[in-house]
Amino acid sequence: MIVSHQYPHLKVRYQVRSLTIEELTYVDTGFDGGLVVSVRRLSELGTPDDYPIIELGDGSEIVAAEYSGEAEIGELRTPRKYSLYR
């Protein structure tokens, strides 16, 4: 079980290439497309692995920068592709 003492936020640790970042995040329980991180991380993450078109909840589409990596929330660790909106 994962418990947050700063609800509705959770501490997430994620790794993209050799960079590991830990920060407090807002968890969108209805989103299943990966981990969306702040645009301010662009310069730290380097060149994206891909630029997919992502459909948002309102049906609009945007181009995102996508990175391969892993995320940890408590004891839960899973490899995912992270989408970073630009």
N, C-alpha and C. Protein backbone atom coordinates (compact mmCIF):
# COMPACT_ATOMS: atom_id res chain seq x y z
N MET A 1 0.84 -1.17 0.00
CA MET A 1 0.00 0.00 0.00
C MET A 1 0.89 1.25 0.00
N ILE A 2 0.47 2.23 -0.76
CA ILE A 2 1.19 3.50 -0.83
C ILE A 2 0.33 4.56 -0.15
N VAL A 3 0.92 5.27 0.80
CA VAL A 3 0.22 6.30 1.55
C VAL A 3 0.93 7.62 1.34
N SER A 4 0.17 8.66 1.05
CA SER A 4 0.75 9.98 0.90
C SER A 4 0.39 10.83 2.11
N HIS A 5 1.39 11.47 2.68
CA HIS A 5 1.16 12.39 3.79
C HIS A 5 1.01 13.82 3.29
N GLN A 6 1.01 13.97 1.94
CA GLN A 6 0.85 15.29 1.32
C GLN A 6 -0.24 15.20 0.25
N TYR A 7 -1.33 14.51 0.55
CA TYR A 7 -2.42 14.29 -0.38
C TYR A 7 -2.87 15.60 -0.99
N PRO A 8 -3.16 15.69 -2.28
CA PRO A 8 -3.26 14.63 -3.28
C PRO A 8 -1.97 14.39 -4.06
N HIS A 9 -0.83 14.68 -3.46
CA HIS A 9 0.46 14.53 -4.13
C HIS A 9 1.20 13.30 -3.60
N LEU A 10 2.05 12.74 -4.46
CA LEU A 10 2.91 11.62 -4.09
C LEU A 10 4.34 11.94 -4.49
N LYS A 11 5.29 11.43 -3.73
CA LYS A 11 6.69 11.56 -4.10
C LYS A 11 7.00 10.48 -5.14
N VAL A 12 7.51 10.89 -6.28
CA VAL A 12 7.86 9.98 -7.37
C VAL A 12 9.33 10.14 -7.69
N ARG A 13 10.01 9.04 -7.88
CA ARG A 13 11.40 9.05 -8.34
C ARG A 13 11.39 8.45 -9.73
N TYR A 14 12.00 9.16 -10.69
CA TYR A 14 12.06 8.61 -12.04
C TYR A 14 13.46 8.79 -12.61
N GLN A 15 13.80 7.87 -13.50
CA GLN A 15 15.13 7.88 -14.10
C GLN A 15 14.99 7.84 -15.61
N VAL A 16 15.67 8.76 -16.27
CA VAL A 16 15.76 8.82 -17.72
C VAL A 16 17.25 8.86 -18.04
N ARG A 17 17.71 7.83 -18.73
CA ARG A 17 19.14 7.67 -19.00
C ARG A 17 19.89 7.67 -17.67
N SER A 18 20.87 8.54 -17.48
CA SER A 18 21.64 8.53 -16.23
C SER A 18 21.12 9.54 -15.21
N LEU A 19 20.05 10.25 -15.53
CA LEU A 19 19.51 11.27 -14.64
C LEU A 19 18.39 10.69 -13.77
N THR A 20 18.50 10.85 -12.45
CA THR A 20 17.45 10.42 -11.52
C THR A 20 16.89 11.66 -10.85
N ILE A 21 15.55 11.79 -10.87
CA ILE A 21 14.88 12.95 -10.30
C ILE A 21 13.83 12.44 -9.31
N GLU A 22 13.75 13.09 -8.15
CA GLU A 22 12.70 12.78 -7.18
C GLU A 22 11.96 14.07 -6.89
N GLU A 23 10.63 14.04 -7.06
CA GLU A 23 9.86 15.24 -6.80
C GLU A 23 8.43 14.88 -6.41
N LEU A 24 7.77 15.84 -5.80
CA LEU A 24 6.38 15.69 -5.41
C LEU A 24 5.52 15.90 -6.65
N THR A 25 4.60 14.98 -6.90
CA THR A 25 3.78 15.03 -8.11
C THR A 25 2.30 14.90 -7.79
N TYR A 26 1.50 15.37 -8.71
CA TYR A 26 0.05 15.19 -8.63
C TYR A 26 -0.29 13.94 -9.42
N VAL A 27 -1.02 13.03 -8.82
CA VAL A 27 -1.36 11.78 -9.48
C VAL A 27 -2.75 11.88 -10.09
N ASP A 28 -2.82 11.71 -11.40
CA ASP A 28 -4.08 11.70 -12.12
C ASP A 28 -4.49 10.24 -12.30
N THR A 29 -5.41 9.76 -11.49
CA THR A 29 -5.77 8.34 -11.51
C THR A 29 -6.51 7.93 -12.78
N GLY A 30 -6.97 8.88 -13.56
CA GLY A 30 -7.65 8.55 -14.80
C GLY A 30 -6.75 8.53 -16.02
N PHE A 31 -5.48 8.83 -15.85
CA PHE A 31 -4.53 8.91 -16.95
C PHE A 31 -3.70 7.64 -17.00
N ASP A 32 -3.58 7.04 -18.17
CA ASP A 32 -2.80 5.79 -18.27
C ASP A 32 -1.73 5.86 -19.35
N GLY A 33 -1.30 7.04 -19.71
CA GLY A 33 -0.36 7.18 -20.81
C GLY A 33 1.10 7.32 -20.41
N GLY A 34 1.44 7.15 -19.15
CA GLY A 34 2.83 7.29 -18.73
C GLY A 34 2.94 8.32 -17.64
N LEU A 35 4.11 8.84 -17.48
CA LEU A 35 4.38 9.86 -16.48
C LEU A 35 4.61 11.18 -17.20
N VAL A 36 3.82 12.16 -16.87
CA VAL A 36 3.97 13.47 -17.49
C VAL A 36 4.75 14.35 -16.50
N VAL A 37 5.88 14.89 -16.96
CA VAL A 37 6.72 15.70 -16.08
C VAL A 37 6.78 17.13 -16.59
N SER A 38 7.28 18.00 -15.75
CA SER A 38 7.31 19.43 -16.03
C SER A 38 8.18 19.79 -17.24
N VAL A 39 7.74 20.79 -17.98
CA VAL A 39 8.49 21.29 -19.13
C VAL A 39 9.86 21.82 -18.70
N ARG A 40 9.99 22.27 -17.47
CA ARG A 40 11.28 22.79 -17.00
C ARG A 40 12.36 21.72 -17.00
N ARG A 41 11.98 20.44 -17.14
CA ARG A 41 12.95 19.34 -17.16
C ARG A 41 13.55 19.11 -18.56
N LEU A 42 13.05 19.78 -19.60
CA LEU A 42 13.54 19.56 -20.96
C LEU A 42 15.06 19.65 -21.08
N SER A 43 15.64 20.70 -20.55
CA SER A 43 17.09 20.88 -20.70
C SER A 43 17.87 19.82 -19.95
N GLU A 44 17.32 19.27 -18.86
CA GLU A 44 18.00 18.24 -18.09
C GLU A 44 17.91 16.87 -18.77
N LEU A 45 16.81 16.60 -19.46
CA LEU A 45 16.58 15.27 -20.03
C LEU A 45 17.26 15.05 -21.37
N GLY A 46 17.64 16.11 -22.06
CA GLY A 46 18.33 15.96 -23.33
C GLY A 46 17.37 15.69 -24.48
N THR A 47 17.88 15.07 -25.54
CA THR A 47 17.10 14.83 -26.75
C THR A 47 16.05 13.74 -26.52
N PRO A 48 14.79 14.00 -26.87
CA PRO A 48 13.74 13.01 -26.70
C PRO A 48 13.97 11.77 -27.57
N ASP A 49 13.38 10.65 -27.14
CA ASP A 49 13.43 9.42 -27.93
C ASP A 49 12.42 9.45 -29.08
N ASP A 50 11.36 10.22 -28.92
CA ASP A 50 10.31 10.28 -29.93
C ASP A 50 9.47 11.54 -29.71
N TYR A 51 8.64 11.88 -30.70
CA TYR A 51 7.72 13.02 -30.62
C TYR A 51 6.32 12.55 -31.01
N PRO A 52 5.62 11.81 -30.16
CA PRO A 52 4.29 11.32 -30.52
C PRO A 52 3.23 12.41 -30.42
N ILE A 53 2.12 12.20 -31.11
CA ILE A 53 0.94 13.06 -30.97
C ILE A 53 0.08 12.41 -29.89
N ILE A 54 -0.27 13.19 -28.87
CA ILE A 54 -1.03 12.68 -27.73
C ILE A 54 -2.39 13.35 -27.70
N GLU A 55 -3.44 12.55 -27.48
CA GLU A 55 -4.78 13.09 -27.35
C GLU A 55 -5.06 13.39 -25.88
N LEU A 56 -5.49 14.61 -25.59
CA LEU A 56 -5.81 15.03 -24.24
C LEU A 56 -7.24 14.65 -23.89
N GLY A 57 -7.59 14.82 -22.63
CA GLY A 57 -8.92 14.47 -22.15
C GLY A 57 -10.05 15.19 -22.86
N ASP A 58 -9.79 16.39 -23.37
CA ASP A 58 -10.84 17.14 -24.07
C ASP A 58 -10.91 16.82 -25.56
N GLY A 59 -10.09 15.85 -26.01
CA GLY A 59 -10.10 15.45 -27.42
C GLY A 59 -9.09 16.20 -28.28
N SER A 60 -8.48 17.25 -27.76
CA SER A 60 -7.47 17.98 -28.54
C SER A 60 -6.18 17.16 -28.58
N GLU A 61 -5.32 17.47 -29.55
CA GLU A 61 -4.06 16.75 -29.70
C GLU A 61 -2.89 17.71 -29.60
N ILE A 62 -1.80 17.21 -29.02
CA ILE A 62 -0.57 17.98 -28.91
C ILE A 62 0.61 17.10 -29.28
N VAL A 63 1.73 17.71 -29.61
CA VAL A 63 2.97 16.98 -29.83
C VAL A 63 3.73 16.96 -28.51
N ALA A 64 4.20 15.79 -28.10
CA ALA A 64 4.92 15.65 -26.83
C ALA A 64 6.33 15.16 -27.10
N ALA A 65 7.21 15.44 -26.17
CA ALA A 65 8.56 14.86 -26.19
C ALA A 65 8.49 13.61 -25.33
N GLU A 66 8.97 12.48 -25.84
CA GLU A 66 8.84 11.22 -25.12
C GLU A 66 10.22 10.63 -24.80
N TYR A 67 10.38 10.16 -23.56
CA TYR A 67 11.62 9.59 -23.07
C TYR A 67 11.34 8.22 -22.48
N SER A 68 12.27 7.27 -22.65
CA SER A 68 12.15 5.97 -22.01
C SER A 68 12.83 6.03 -20.65
N GLY A 69 12.23 5.39 -19.65
CA GLY A 69 12.82 5.41 -18.33
C GLY A 69 12.06 4.53 -17.37
N GLU A 70 12.32 4.70 -16.09
CA GLU A 70 11.64 3.97 -15.03
C GLU A 70 11.13 4.94 -13.98
N ALA A 71 10.07 4.52 -13.27
CA ALA A 71 9.52 5.34 -12.20
C ALA A 71 9.34 4.48 -10.96
N GLU A 72 9.47 5.12 -9.79
CA GLU A 72 9.23 4.47 -8.51
C GLU A 72 8.27 5.33 -7.70
N ILE A 73 7.26 4.67 -7.16
CA ILE A 73 6.36 5.29 -6.18
C ILE A 73 6.33 4.32 -5.02
N GLY A 74 6.94 4.68 -3.92
CA GLY A 74 7.06 3.74 -2.80
C GLY A 74 7.85 2.52 -3.25
N GLU A 75 7.29 1.33 -3.06
CA GLU A 75 7.93 0.08 -3.46
C GLU A 75 7.59 -0.31 -4.89
N LEU A 76 6.69 0.42 -5.53
CA LEU A 76 6.26 0.11 -6.89
C LEU A 76 7.24 0.70 -7.89
N ARG A 77 7.80 -0.16 -8.73
CA ARG A 77 8.77 0.28 -9.74
C ARG A 77 8.39 -0.34 -11.07
N THR A 78 8.31 0.48 -12.10
CA THR A 78 7.90 -0.03 -13.39
C THR A 78 8.60 0.70 -14.53
N PRO A 79 9.08 -0.03 -15.55
CA PRO A 79 9.62 0.65 -16.73
C PRO A 79 8.47 1.23 -17.56
N ARG A 80 8.59 2.45 -17.96
CA ARG A 80 7.55 3.12 -18.76
C ARG A 80 8.20 4.08 -19.74
N LYS A 81 7.41 4.57 -20.67
CA LYS A 81 7.84 5.71 -21.49
C LYS A 81 7.19 6.94 -20.85
N TYR A 82 7.98 7.97 -20.66
CA TYR A 82 7.45 9.18 -20.05
C TYR A 82 7.18 10.21 -21.12
N SER A 83 6.03 10.80 -21.06
CA SER A 83 5.69 11.86 -22.00
C SER A 83 5.87 13.20 -21.33
N LEU A 84 6.61 14.05 -21.96
CA LEU A 84 6.83 15.40 -21.46
C LEU A 84 6.25 16.37 -22.47
N TYR A 85 5.20 17.08 -22.10
CA TYR A 85 4.59 18.05 -23.01
C TYR A 85 5.55 19.19 -23.30
N ARG A 86 5.55 19.63 -24.55
CA ARG A 86 6.35 20.79 -24.89
C ARG A 86 5.49 21.91 -25.37
